[in-house]
């Protein structure tokens, strides 16, 4: 069963903030393809389904970083939900 919504038409006079609410409530889908080589290195590709945008990744940490970059607020280059300070590394 699919839960896709019909494309939303732009309404004359609608503000960017009103459109952003729709964007922020949108579901995002990613395809992650990973391979582990003989020595245990992880490499692969992350694809944002809606846009077809793909990015190569090396290591598991890169998967989250790339997804964060793909969902960053347009034009700011900043990740929507940066990691909390004090996390283990």
C-alpha atoms as a PDB file:
ATOM      1  CA  UNK A   1       0.000   0.000   0.000  1.00  0.00           C
ATOM      2  CA  UNK A   2       1.447   3.365  -1.015  1.00  0.00           C
ATOM      3  CA  UNK A   3       1.076   6.518   1.057  1.00  0.00           C
ATOM      4  CA  UNK A   4       2.184   9.019  -1.576  1.00  0.00           C
ATOM      5  CA  UNK A   5       0.499  12.375  -1.608  1.00  0.00           C
ATOM      6  CA  UNK A   6      -0.529  14.201  -4.740  1.00  0.00           C
ATOM      7  CA  UNK A   7       1.889  17.000  -5.648  1.00  0.00           C
ATOM      8  CA  UNK A   8       1.003  20.216  -3.851  1.00  0.00           C
ATOM      9  CA  UNK A   9       0.181  23.159  -6.085  1.00  0.00           C
ATOM     10  CA  UNK A  10       1.733  26.507  -5.291  1.00  0.00           C
ATOM     11  CA  UNK A  11      -0.883  29.003  -4.184  1.00  0.00           C
ATOM     12  CA  UNK A  12      -0.481  32.646  -5.209  1.00  0.00           C
ATOM     13  CA  UNK A  13       0.418  34.740  -2.183  1.00  0.00           C
ATOM     14  CA  UNK A  14       1.568  31.729  -0.158  1.00  0.00           C
ATOM     15  CA  UNK A  15       4.661  32.499   1.905  1.00  0.00           C
ATOM     16  CA  UNK A  16       7.845  30.462   1.953  1.00  0.00           C
ATOM     17  CA  UNK A  17       7.192  29.637   5.613  1.00  0.00           C
ATOM     18  CA  UNK A  18       3.824  28.125   4.705  1.00  0.00           C
ATOM     19  CA  UNK A  19       5.445  25.965   2.007  1.00  0.00           C
ATOM     20  CA  UNK A  20       8.266  24.962   4.376  1.00  0.00           C
ATOM     21  CA  UNK A  21       5.755  23.374   6.772  1.00  0.00           C
ATOM     22  CA  UNK A  22       4.794  20.970   3.985  1.00  0.00           C
ATOM     23  CA  UNK A  23       8.438  20.214   3.233  1.00  0.00           C
ATOM     24  CA  UNK A  24       9.319  19.618   6.890  1.00  0.00           C
ATOM     25  CA  UNK A  25       6.466  17.133   7.205  1.00  0.00           C
ATOM     26  CA  UNK A  26       7.554  15.214   4.117  1.00  0.00           C
ATOM     27  CA  UNK A  27       8.738  11.632   4.264  1.00  0.00           C
ATOM     28  CA  UNK A  28      12.212  11.070   2.820  1.00  0.00           C
ATOM     29  CA  UNK A  29      13.412   7.771   1.416  1.00  0.00           C
ATOM     30  CA  UNK A  30      17.016   6.711   0.955  1.00  0.00           C
ATOM     31  CA  UNK A  31      18.560   3.595  -0.552  1.00  0.00           C
ATOM     32  CA  UNK A  32      21.852   2.546   1.030  1.00  0.00           C
ATOM     33  CA  UNK A  33      24.020  -0.011  -0.775  1.00  0.00           C
ATOM     34  CA  UNK A  34      27.096  -1.149   1.125  1.00  0.00           C
ATOM     35  CA  UNK A  35      29.911  -3.605   0.461  1.00  0.00           C
ATOM     36  CA  UNK A  36      32.513  -4.972   2.854  1.00  0.00           C
ATOM     37  CA  UNK A  37      35.867  -5.912   1.345  1.00  0.00           C
ATOM     38  CA  UNK A  38      38.182  -8.731   2.490  1.00  0.00           C
ATOM     39  CA  UNK A  39      39.881  -6.543   5.107  1.00  0.00           C
ATOM     40  CA  UNK A  40      36.569  -5.256   6.490  1.00  0.00           C
ATOM     41  CA  UNK A  41      36.368  -1.791   4.902  1.00  0.00           C
ATOM     42  CA  UNK A  42      32.836  -0.595   4.179  1.00  0.00           C
ATOM     43  CA  UNK A  43      32.149   1.324   0.962  1.00  0.00           C
ATOM     44  CA  UNK A  44      28.981   2.072  -0.923  1.00  0.00           C
ATOM     45  CA  UNK A  45      26.416   4.543  -2.229  1.00  0.00           C
ATOM     46  CA  UNK A  46      23.588   6.476  -0.586  1.00  0.00           C
ATOM     47  CA  UNK A  47      20.768   7.517  -2.922  1.00  0.00           C
ATOM     48  CA  UNK A  48      17.972   9.961  -2.148  1.00  0.00           C
ATOM     49  CA  UNK A  49      15.047   8.336  -3.969  1.00  0.00           C
ATOM     50  CA  UNK A  50      12.988  11.437  -4.776  1.00  0.00           C
ATOM     51  CA  UNK A  51      15.857  13.361  -6.382  1.00  0.00           C
ATOM     52  CA  UNK A  52      18.021  10.487  -7.613  1.00  0.00           C
ATOM     53  CA  UNK A  53      21.001  12.197  -5.972  1.00  0.00           C
ATOM     54  CA  UNK A  54      23.772   9.724  -5.110  1.00  0.00           C
ATOM     55  CA  UNK A  55      26.881   9.995  -2.983  1.00  0.00           C
ATOM     56  CA  UNK A  56      29.732   7.530  -2.458  1.00  0.00           C
ATOM     57  CA  UNK A  57      30.541   6.629   1.145  1.00  0.00           C
ATOM     58  CA  UNK A  58      33.537   5.061   2.838  1.00  0.00           C
ATOM     59  CA  UNK A  59      32.831   3.798   6.347  1.00  0.00           C
ATOM     60  CA  UNK A  60      29.632   3.625   8.367  1.00  0.00           C
ATOM     61  CA  UNK A  61      30.063   7.126   9.827  1.00  0.00           C
ATOM     62  CA  UNK A  62      29.889   8.537   6.301  1.00  0.00           C
ATOM     63  CA  UNK A  63      26.375   7.111   5.751  1.00  0.00           C
ATOM     64  CA  UNK A  64      24.801   9.328   8.411  1.00  0.00           C
ATOM     65  CA  UNK A  65      26.893  12.320   7.408  1.00  0.00           C
ATOM     66  CA  UNK A  66      25.850  12.041   3.736  1.00  0.00           C
ATOM     67  CA  UNK A  67      22.158  11.676   4.605  1.00  0.00           C
ATOM     68  CA  UNK A  68      22.463  14.705   6.880  1.00  0.00           C
ATOM     69  CA  UNK A  69      23.975  16.700   4.025  1.00  0.00           C
ATOM     70  CA  UNK A  70      21.213  15.596   1.654  1.00  0.00           C
ATOM     71  CA  UNK A  71      18.492  16.796   4.024  1.00  0.00           C
ATOM     72  CA  UNK A  72      20.277  20.007   5.032  1.00  0.00           C
ATOM     73  CA  UNK A  73      18.248  23.176   4.799  1.00  0.00           C
ATOM     74  CA  UNK A  74      18.622  24.338   1.181  1.00  0.00           C
ATOM     75  CA  UNK A  75      21.167  27.107   0.747  1.00  0.00           C
ATOM     76  CA  UNK A  76      22.630  26.881   4.251  1.00  0.00           C
ATOM     77  CA  UNK A  77      24.789  23.783   4.038  1.00  0.00           C
ATOM     78  CA  UNK A  78      23.818  23.015   7.628  1.00  0.00           C
ATOM     79  CA  UNK A  79      22.469  19.668   8.783  1.00  0.00           C
ATOM     80  CA  UNK A  80      18.892  19.710  10.120  1.00  0.00           C
ATOM     81  CA  UNK A  81      19.619  17.774  13.325  1.00  0.00           C
ATOM     82  CA  UNK A  82      23.313  18.023  14.240  1.00  0.00           C
ATOM     83  CA  UNK A  83      24.620  15.422  16.714  1.00  0.00           C
ATOM     84  CA  UNK A  84      24.347  16.374  20.374  1.00  0.00           C
ATOM     85  CA  UNK A  85      27.501  17.498  22.125  1.00  0.00           C
ATOM     86  CA  UNK A  86      29.079  15.039  24.522  1.00  0.00           C
ATOM     87  CA  UNK A  87      28.287  11.927  22.488  1.00  0.00           C
ATOM     88  CA  UNK A  88      30.763   9.030  22.514  1.00  0.00           C
ATOM     89  CA  UNK A  89      33.245   8.725  19.668  1.00  0.00           C
END
